[in-house]
Amino acid sequence: MKKINLFLIPALAFSLSCGPKAQAQTPVLPFSGTIQYRIAYESPIVPQEQLAQQPQTATLRMGTDKAVFAMAEQKALADATTKELHSLVNLSAMGLGKYHLTETEADLQMDVEEKKNLTVEKTQETKTISGYTAHQAKAFYKQGNTSIELDIWYVEGFGNPFFNHATQAGSLDGVDGFPLEYAIKTPDMTMTFTVHKLTNEEVNPKYFNIPSSYKASTKEQMTKDIQEFMQSMRDMQGMGM
């Protein structure tokens, strides 16, 4: 089972229809607290007004054994105790409901292995992000027929390595730390996640709960539901409705 790429869901569902400097912090490792991100977009083909409709912020909350990344109506919860990644996707606006997708450690490892021609290059560059020393790595691979390039600034010892799966950068062999800031580049679009605010704090456990309104499903079923919705929209447009 392939890892759910939340980055691609807005494009799939809607066909696609940097912020202030982070405040200085006293670095604490491992980190526990909240990170707020600004998201910037660039595209050679997508109009700026459509990019402006995409999520502009994201939040990551990290505890001792769980981390949750939230962006618009999508969440990814990494549970280091069970070694499971829970993806929560709210497609209620499309009339499709709320999906709870679960991937095991074996599923996630399979996704890593399916990245074609993966290469990770560590540079000698470092920079300080909210008091933390971040190292730069660049990754290149193909997922299906799509070429993907990542520019990652990672912090060693930042948190449980399993938490990397919750981020949009994911987990990559050769990146020995948490991807605190990163850019994801495809031929159609570049998304850049920059830390806006980082707060060391104890996270309320409620943020790691999975609401009962999210029903267990699979990536395959969710994809099928979205495709049927898109086809019905095309049919309606064809009838001039």
C-alpha atoms as a PDB file:
ATOM      1  CA  MET A   1       0.000   0.000   0.000  1.00  0.00           C
ATOM      2  CA  LYS A   2       1.492   3.329  -1.015  1.00  0.00           C
ATOM      3  CA  LYS A   3       1.811   6.154   1.453  1.00  0.00           C
ATOM      4  CA  ILE A   4      -0.993   8.675   1.224  1.00  0.00           C
ATOM      5  CA  ASN A   5       0.462  11.838  -0.268  1.00  0.00           C
ATOM      6  CA  LEU A   6      -1.689  14.617   1.172  1.00  0.00           C
ATOM      7  CA  PHE A   7       0.178  17.124  -0.991  1.00  0.00           C
ATOM      8  CA  LEU A   8      -1.511  15.655  -4.087  1.00  0.00           C
ATOM      9  CA  ILE A   9      -5.075  15.497  -2.730  1.00  0.00           C
ATOM     10  CA  PRO A  10      -6.056  19.144  -3.440  1.00  0.00           C
ATOM     11  CA  ALA A  11      -4.930  18.743  -7.055  1.00  0.00           C
ATOM     12  CA  LEU A  12      -6.763  15.443  -7.398  1.00  0.00           C
ATOM     13  CA  ALA A  13      -9.978  16.684  -5.851  1.00  0.00           C
ATOM     14  CA  PHE A  14     -10.177  20.148  -7.288  1.00  0.00           C
ATOM     15  CA  SER A  15      -7.631  20.138 -10.133  1.00  0.00           C
ATOM     16  CA  LEU A  16      -6.053  23.087  -8.324  1.00  0.00           C
ATOM     17  CA  SER A  17      -9.899  24.640  -9.007  1.00  0.00           C
ATOM     18  CA  CYS A  18       7.518  33.404   2.871  1.00  0.00           C
ATOM     19  CA  GLY A  19       6.397  34.426   6.129  1.00  0.00           C
ATOM     20  CA  PRO A  20       7.945  36.385   8.986  1.00  0.00           C
ATOM     21  CA  LYS A  21      11.136  35.090  10.578  1.00  0.00           C
ATOM     22  CA  ALA A  22      10.579  32.577  13.338  1.00  0.00           C
ATOM     23  CA  GLN A  23      11.185  33.809  16.861  1.00  0.00           C
ATOM     24  CA  ALA A  24      14.398  32.711  18.558  1.00  0.00           C
ATOM     25  CA  GLN A  25      13.946  29.784  20.938  1.00  0.00           C
ATOM     26  CA  THR A  26      16.118  27.979  23.450  1.00  0.00           C
ATOM     27  CA  PRO A  27      16.619  24.639  21.695  1.00  0.00           C
ATOM     28  CA  VAL A  28      15.274  21.639  23.602  1.00  0.00           C
ATOM     29  CA  LEU A  29      15.869  18.102  22.346  1.00  0.00           C
ATOM     30  CA  PRO A  30      13.883  16.037  21.828  1.00  0.00           C
ATOM     31  CA  PHE A  31      11.306  18.640  20.914  1.00  0.00           C
ATOM     32  CA  SER A  32       7.806  18.683  22.378  1.00  0.00           C
ATOM     33  CA  GLY A  33       5.398  21.384  21.318  1.00  0.00           C
ATOM     34  CA  THR A  34       3.802  23.151  18.372  1.00  0.00           C
ATOM     35  CA  ILE A  35       5.208  24.329  15.051  1.00  0.00           C
ATOM     36  CA  GLN A  36       3.270  26.690  12.806  1.00  0.00           C
ATOM     37  CA  TYR A  37       4.249  26.795   9.137  1.00  0.00           C
ATOM     38  CA  ARG A  38       3.732  29.224   6.295  1.00  0.00           C
ATOM     39  CA  ILE A  39       3.236  27.580   2.904  1.00  0.00           C
ATOM     40  CA  ALA A  40       4.352  29.241  -0.336  1.00  0.00           C
ATOM     41  CA  TYR A  41       3.532  28.039  -3.848  1.00  0.00           C
ATOM     42  CA  GLU A  42       5.146  28.511  -7.227  1.00  0.00           C
ATOM     43  CA  SER A  43       3.973  27.053 -10.525  1.00  0.00           C
ATOM     44  CA  PRO A  44       4.761  27.546 -14.218  1.00  0.00           C
ATOM     45  CA  ILE A  45       1.276  26.408 -15.246  1.00  0.00           C
ATOM     46  CA  VAL A  46      -1.185  27.081 -12.395  1.00  0.00           C
ATOM     47  CA  PRO A  47      -2.638  30.632 -12.269  1.00  0.00           C
ATOM     48  CA  GLN A  48      -1.735  32.667  -9.203  1.00  0.00           C
ATOM     49  CA  GLU A  49      -5.373  33.096  -8.208  1.00  0.00           C
ATOM     50  CA  GLN A  50      -5.738  29.314  -7.990  1.00  0.00           C
ATOM     51  CA  LEU A  51      -2.548  28.964  -5.957  1.00  0.00           C
ATOM     52  CA  ALA A  52      -3.939  31.573  -3.568  1.00  0.00           C
ATOM     53  CA  GLN A  53      -6.858  29.221  -2.851  1.00  0.00           C
ATOM     54  CA  GLN A  54      -4.540  26.478  -1.583  1.00  0.00           C
ATOM     55  CA  PRO A  55      -3.764  26.095   2.167  1.00  0.00           C
ATOM     56  CA  GLN A  56      -1.448  28.878   3.311  1.00  0.00           C
ATOM     57  CA  THR A  57      -0.616  27.508   6.769  1.00  0.00           C
ATOM     58  CA  ALA A  58      -0.027  24.182   8.485  1.00  0.00           C
ATOM     59  CA  THR A  59       0.484  23.099  12.087  1.00  0.00           C
ATOM     60  CA  LEU A  60       2.506  20.266  13.558  1.00  0.00           C
ATOM     61  CA  ARG A  61       2.077  19.170  17.167  1.00  0.00           C
ATOM     62  CA  MET A  62       4.618  16.778  18.618  1.00  0.00           C
ATOM     63  CA  GLY A  63       4.518  14.827  21.865  1.00  0.00           C
ATOM     64  CA  THR A  64       6.643  12.001  23.233  1.00  0.00           C
ATOM     65  CA  ASP A  65       5.161   9.188  21.174  1.00  0.00           C
ATOM     66  CA  LYS A  66       2.747  10.918  18.762  1.00  0.00           C
ATOM     67  CA  ALA A  67       2.899  13.738  16.234  1.00  0.00           C
ATOM     68  CA  VAL A  68       0.099  15.198  14.128  1.00  0.00           C
ATOM     69  CA  PHE A  69       0.467  17.386  11.046  1.00  0.00           C
ATOM     70  CA  ALA A  70      -2.622  19.399  10.053  1.00  0.00           C
ATOM     71  CA  MET A  71      -3.126  21.269   6.791  1.00  0.00           C
ATOM     72  CA  ALA A  72      -6.611  22.544   5.891  1.00  0.00           C
ATOM     73  CA  GLU A  73      -9.008  19.574   6.100  1.00  0.00           C
ATOM     74  CA  GLN A  74      -6.225  16.981   6.140  1.00  0.00           C
ATOM     75  CA  LYS A  75      -4.293  15.493   9.044  1.00  0.00           C
ATOM     76  CA  ALA A  76      -1.550  12.908   9.365  1.00  0.00           C
ATOM     77  CA  LEU A  77      -1.016  11.310  12.779  1.00  0.00           C
ATOM     78  CA  ALA A  78       2.165   9.316  13.368  1.00  0.00           C
ATOM     79  CA  ASP A  79       2.029   6.940  16.341  1.00  0.00           C
ATOM     80  CA  ALA A  80       5.551   5.839  17.273  1.00  0.00           C
ATOM     81  CA  THR A  81       4.177   3.277  19.750  1.00  0.00           C
ATOM     82  CA  THR A  82       2.102   1.295  17.256  1.00  0.00           C
ATOM     83  CA  LYS A  83       4.253   2.298  14.232  1.00  0.00           C
ATOM     84  CA  GLU A  84       1.126   3.362  12.346  1.00  0.00           C
ATOM     85  CA  LEU A  85       0.382   6.430  10.259  1.00  0.00           C
ATOM     86  CA  HIS A  86      -3.234   7.596  10.327  1.00  0.00           C
ATOM     87  CA  SER A  87      -4.351   9.914   7.514  1.00  0.00           C
ATOM     88  CA  LEU A  88      -7.563  11.856   8.145  1.00  0.00           C
ATOM     89  CA  VAL A  89      -9.058  13.371   4.988  1.00  0.00           C
ATOM     90  CA  ASN A  90     -12.213  15.461   5.164  1.00  0.00           C
ATOM     91  CA  LEU A  91     -13.994  15.520   1.805  1.00  0.00           C
ATOM     92  CA  SER A  92     -17.369  16.558   3.214  1.00  0.00           C
ATOM     93  CA  ALA A  93     -17.396  19.627   0.970  1.00  0.00           C
ATOM     94  CA  MET A  94     -17.588  17.223  -1.972  1.00  0.00           C
ATOM     95  CA  GLY A  95     -20.312  15.186  -0.297  1.00  0.00           C
ATOM     96  CA  LEU A  96     -17.916  12.256   0.196  1.00  0.00           C
ATOM     97  CA  GLY A  97     -17.571  12.321   3.975  1.00  0.00           C
ATOM     98  CA  LYS A  98     -14.504  11.849   6.162  1.00  0.00           C
ATOM     99  CA  TYR A  99     -11.899   9.143   5.556  1.00  0.00           C
ATOM    100  CA  HIS A 100      -9.590   7.464   8.078  1.00  0.00           C
ATOM    101  CA  LEU A 101      -6.745   5.652   6.329  1.00  0.00           C
ATOM    102  CA  THR A 102      -4.245   3.548   8.299  1.00  0.00           C
ATOM    103  CA  GLU A 103      -0.799   2.473   7.148  1.00  0.00           C
ATOM    104  CA  THR A 104       1.479   0.115   9.037  1.00  0.00           C
ATOM    105  CA  GLU A 105       5.254   0.291   9.257  1.00  0.00           C
ATOM    106  CA  ALA A 106       5.421  -2.380   6.536  1.00  0.00           C
ATOM    107  CA  ASP A 107       3.188  -0.276   4.264  1.00  0.00           C
ATOM    108  CA  LEU A 108       5.381   2.776   4.821  1.00  0.00           C
ATOM    109  CA  GLN A 109       8.572   0.827   4.160  1.00  0.00           C
ATOM    110  CA  MET A 110       7.070  -0.424   0.918  1.00  0.00           C
ATOM    111  CA  ASP A 111       6.414   3.185  -0.083  1.00  0.00           C
ATOM    112  CA  VAL A 112      10.063   4.079   0.568  1.00  0.00           C
ATOM    113  CA  GLU A 113      11.183   1.133  -1.537  1.00  0.00           C
ATOM    114  CA  GLU A 114       8.876   2.155  -4.400  1.00  0.00           C
ATOM    115  CA  LYS A 115      10.585   5.534  -4.788  1.00  0.00           C
ATOM    116  CA  LYS A 116      12.423   5.063  -8.069  1.00  0.00           C
ATOM    117  CA  ASN A 117      16.053   6.152  -8.410  1.00  0.00           C
ATOM    118  CA  LEU A 118      16.089   7.744  -4.951  1.00  0.00           C
ATOM    119  CA  THR A 119      19.223   9.720  -4.213  1.00  0.00           C
ATOM    120  CA  VAL A 120      19.917  11.831  -1.129  1.00  0.00           C
ATOM    121  CA  GLU A 121      22.724  14.381  -1.165  1.00  0.00           C
ATOM    122  CA  LYS A 122      23.865  15.998   2.079  1.00  0.00           C
ATOM    123  CA  THR A 123      25.445  19.423   1.724  1.00  0.00           C
ATOM    124  CA  GLN A 124      27.768  21.223   4.122  1.00  0.00           C
ATOM    125  CA  GLU A 125      25.209  24.013   4.590  1.00  0.00           C
ATOM    126  CA  THR A 126      23.584  24.717   7.948  1.00  0.00           C
ATOM    127  CA  LYS A 127      21.229  27.400   9.218  1.00  0.00           C
ATOM    128  CA  THR A 128      19.534  28.254  12.488  1.00  0.00           C
ATOM    129  CA  ILE A 129      15.768  27.767  12.677  1.00  0.00           C
ATOM    130  CA  SER A 130      14.187  28.963  15.919  1.00  0.00           C
ATOM    131  CA  GLY A 131      17.419  28.265  17.775  1.00  0.00           C
ATOM    132  CA  TYR A 132      17.930  24.807  16.269  1.00  0.00           C
ATOM    133  CA  THR A 133      20.856  23.997  13.984  1.00  0.00           C
ATOM    134  CA  ALA A 134      19.483  22.546  10.758  1.00  0.00           C
ATOM    135  CA  HIS A 135      21.493  20.666   8.126  1.00  0.00           C
ATOM    136  CA  GLN A 136      20.628  20.686   4.435  1.00  0.00           C
ATOM    137  CA  ALA A 137      19.903  17.636   2.311  1.00  0.00           C
ATOM    138  CA  LYS A 138      18.579  17.347  -1.214  1.00  0.00           C
ATOM    139  CA  ALA A 139      16.592  14.343  -2.397  1.00  0.00           C
ATOM    140  CA  PHE A 140      15.568  13.286  -5.889  1.00  0.00           C
ATOM    141  CA  TYR A 141      13.280  10.442  -6.937  1.00  0.00           C
ATOM    142  CA  LYS A 142      10.372   9.438  -9.156  1.00  0.00           C
ATOM    143  CA  GLN A 143       6.998   8.400  -7.803  1.00  0.00           C
ATOM    144  CA  GLY A 144       5.133   6.760 -10.633  1.00  0.00           C
ATOM    145  CA  ASN A 145       5.843   8.999 -13.614  1.00  0.00           C
ATOM    146  CA  THR A 146       6.326  12.144 -11.517  1.00  0.00           C
ATOM    147  CA  SER A 147       9.796  13.520 -10.784  1.00  0.00           C
ATOM    148  CA  ILE A 148      10.073  14.913  -7.258  1.00  0.00           C
ATOM    149  CA  GLU A 149      12.837  17.025  -5.759  1.00  0.00           C
ATOM    150  CA  LEU A 150      13.095  17.926  -2.072  1.00  0.00           C
ATOM    151  CA  ASP A 151      15.222  20.589  -0.420  1.00  0.00           C
ATOM    152  CA  ILE A 152      15.234  19.675   3.275  1.00  0.00           C
ATOM    153  CA  TRP A 153      16.568  21.400   6.374  1.00  0.00           C
ATOM    154  CA  TYR A 154      16.628  18.742   9.086  1.00  0.00           C
ATOM    155  CA  VAL A 155      17.513  18.777  12.790  1.00  0.00           C
ATOM    156  CA  GLU A 156      19.256  15.781  14.316  1.00  0.00           C
ATOM    157  CA  GLY A 157      17.650  14.328  17.446  1.00  0.00           C
ATOM    158  CA  PHE A 158      14.575  16.539  17.084  1.00  0.00           C
ATOM    159  CA  GLY A 159      12.061  13.762  17.735  1.00  0.00           C
ATOM    160  CA  ASN A 160      11.235  10.124  17.147  1.00  0.00           C
ATOM    161  CA  PRO A 161      12.310   9.222  13.575  1.00  0.00           C
ATOM    162  CA  PHE A 162       8.852   7.739  12.944  1.00  0.00           C
ATOM    163  CA  PHE A 163       7.383  11.253  13.144  1.00  0.00           C
ATOM    164  CA  ASN A 164       8.974  12.073   9.774  1.00  0.00           C
ATOM    165  CA  HIS A 165       6.182  10.084   8.117  1.00  0.00           C
ATOM    166  CA  ALA A 166       3.622  12.658   9.284  1.00  0.00           C
ATOM    167  CA  THR A 167       5.287  15.489   7.363  1.00  0.00           C
ATOM    168  CA  GLN A 168       4.876  16.271   3.695  1.00  0.00           C
ATOM    169  CA  ALA A 169       8.588  15.549   3.233  1.00  0.00           C
ATOM    170  CA  GLY A 170       8.125  12.025   4.528  1.00  0.00           C
ATOM    171  CA  SER A 171      10.849   9.658   5.681  1.00  0.00           C
ATOM    172  CA  LEU A 172      13.924   9.234   3.504  1.00  0.00           C
ATOM    173  CA  ASP A 173      16.956   7.034   4.051  1.00  0.00           C
ATOM    174  CA  GLY A 174      19.930   9.334   4.454  1.00  0.00           C
ATOM    175  CA  VAL A 175      18.092  12.157   6.208  1.00  0.00           C
ATOM    176  CA  ASP A 176      19.201  11.630   9.802  1.00  0.00           C
ATOM    177  CA  GLY A 177      16.843  13.983  11.535  1.00  0.00           C
ATOM    178  CA  PHE A 178      13.472  15.711  11.438  1.00  0.00           C
ATOM    179  CA  PRO A 179      12.649  17.760   8.286  1.00  0.00           C
ATOM    180  CA  LEU A 180      11.923  21.052  10.042  1.00  0.00           C
ATOM    181  CA  GLU A 181      11.715  23.165   6.856  1.00  0.00           C
ATOM    182  CA  TYR A 182      11.483  21.873   3.309  1.00  0.00           C
ATOM    183  CA  ALA A 183      10.436  22.484  -0.271  1.00  0.00           C
ATOM    184  CA  ILE A 184       8.729  19.893  -2.476  1.00  0.00           C
ATOM    185  CA  LYS A 185       9.170  20.434  -6.194  1.00  0.00           C
ATOM    186  CA  THR A 186       7.405  18.672  -9.069  1.00  0.00           C
ATOM    187  CA  PRO A 187       7.352  19.759 -12.729  1.00  0.00           C
ATOM    188  CA  ASP A 188       3.970  21.456 -12.096  1.00  0.00           C
ATOM    189  CA  MET A 189       4.385  23.075  -8.699  1.00  0.00           C
ATOM    190  CA  THR A 190       6.707  23.834  -5.786  1.00  0.00           C
ATOM    191  CA  MET A 191       5.462  23.928  -2.179  1.00  0.00           C
ATOM    192  CA  THR A 192       7.721  25.470   0.461  1.00  0.00           C
ATOM    193  CA  PHE A 193       7.094  24.966   4.192  1.00  0.00           C
ATOM    194  CA  THR A 194       8.768  27.593   6.398  1.00  0.00           C
ATOM    195  CA  VAL A 195       8.587  27.765  10.196  1.00  0.00           C
ATOM    196  CA  HIS A 196       6.563  30.794  11.253  1.00  0.00           C
ATOM    197  CA  LYS A 197       6.421  30.085  14.981  1.00  0.00           C
ATOM    198  CA  LEU A 198       7.829  27.318  17.159  1.00  0.00           C
ATOM    199  CA  THR A 199       6.668  26.844  20.739  1.00  0.00           C
ATOM    200  CA  ASN A 200       8.162  24.443  23.272  1.00  0.00           C
ATOM    201  CA  GLU A 201       5.222  23.190  25.326  1.00  0.00           C
ATOM    202  CA  GLU A 202       3.327  20.145  26.502  1.00  0.00           C
ATOM    203  CA  VAL A 203       0.735  19.309  23.855  1.00  0.00           C
ATOM    204  CA  ASN A 204      -2.810  18.568  24.980  1.00  0.00           C
ATOM    205  CA  PRO A 205      -3.469  14.843  24.270  1.00  0.00           C
ATOM    206  CA  LYS A 206      -6.806  15.756  22.644  1.00  0.00           C
ATOM    207  CA  TYR A 207      -4.933  16.772  19.490  1.00  0.00           C
ATOM    208  CA  PHE A 208      -3.873  13.152  19.010  1.00  0.00           C
ATOM    209  CA  ASN A 209      -7.400  11.737  19.146  1.00  0.00           C
ATOM    210  CA  ILE A 210      -9.048  10.382  16.005  1.00  0.00           C
ATOM    211  CA  PRO A 211     -12.650  11.674  15.838  1.00  0.00           C
ATOM    212  CA  SER A 212     -15.318   9.008  15.454  1.00  0.00           C
ATOM    213  CA  SER A 213     -16.743  10.975  12.503  1.00  0.00           C
ATOM    214  CA  TYR A 214     -13.837   9.693  10.396  1.00  0.00           C
ATOM    215  CA  LYS A 215     -14.700   6.275   8.991  1.00  0.00           C
ATOM    216  CA  ALA A 216     -12.104   3.607   8.305  1.00  0.00           C
ATOM    217  CA  SER A 217     -11.400   3.280   4.596  1.00  0.00           C
ATOM    218  CA  THR A 218      -8.577   2.607   2.130  1.00  0.00           C
ATOM    219  CA  LYS A 219      -6.621   4.752  -0.278  1.00  0.00           C
ATOM    220  CA  GLU A 220      -8.066   2.757  -3.157  1.00  0.00           C
ATOM    221  CA  GLN A 221     -11.666   3.366  -2.071  1.00  0.00           C
ATOM    222  CA  MET A 222     -11.082   7.065  -1.453  1.00  0.00           C
ATOM    223  CA  THR A 223      -9.429   7.458  -4.860  1.00  0.00           C
ATOM    224  CA  LYS A 224     -12.344   5.634  -6.506  1.00  0.00           C
ATOM    225  CA  ASP A 225     -14.857   7.916  -4.744  1.00  0.00           C
ATOM    226  CA  ILE A 226     -12.979  11.044  -5.859  1.00  0.00           C
ATOM    227  CA  GLN A 227     -12.745   9.819  -9.456  1.00  0.00           C
ATOM    228  CA  GLU A 228     -16.477   9.105  -9.545  1.00  0.00           C
ATOM    229  CA  PHE A 229     -17.173  12.571  -8.138  1.00  0.00           C
ATOM    230  CA  MET A 230     -14.954  14.220 -10.747  1.00  0.00           C
ATOM    231  CA  GLN A 231     -16.619  12.227 -13.511  1.00  0.00           C
ATOM    232  CA  SER A 232     -20.059  13.282 -12.323  1.00  0.00           C
ATOM    233  CA  MET A 233     -18.901  16.913 -12.361  1.00  0.00           C
ATOM    234  CA  ARG A 234     -17.631  16.522 -15.928  1.00  0.00           C
ATOM    235  CA  ASP A 235     -20.921  14.917 -16.952  1.00  0.00           C
ATOM    236  CA  MET A 236     -22.870  17.824 -15.481  1.00  0.00           C
ATOM    237  CA  GLN A 237     -20.674  20.337 -17.274  1.00  0.00           C
ATOM    238  CA  GLY A 238     -21.178  18.406 -20.493  1.00  0.00           C
ATOM    239  CA  MET A 239     -24.937  18.764 -20.085  1.00  0.00           C
ATOM    240  CA  GLY A 240     -24.552  22.510 -19.543  1.00  0.00           C
ATOM    241  CA  MET A 241     -25.696  22.394 -15.930  1.00  0.00           C
END
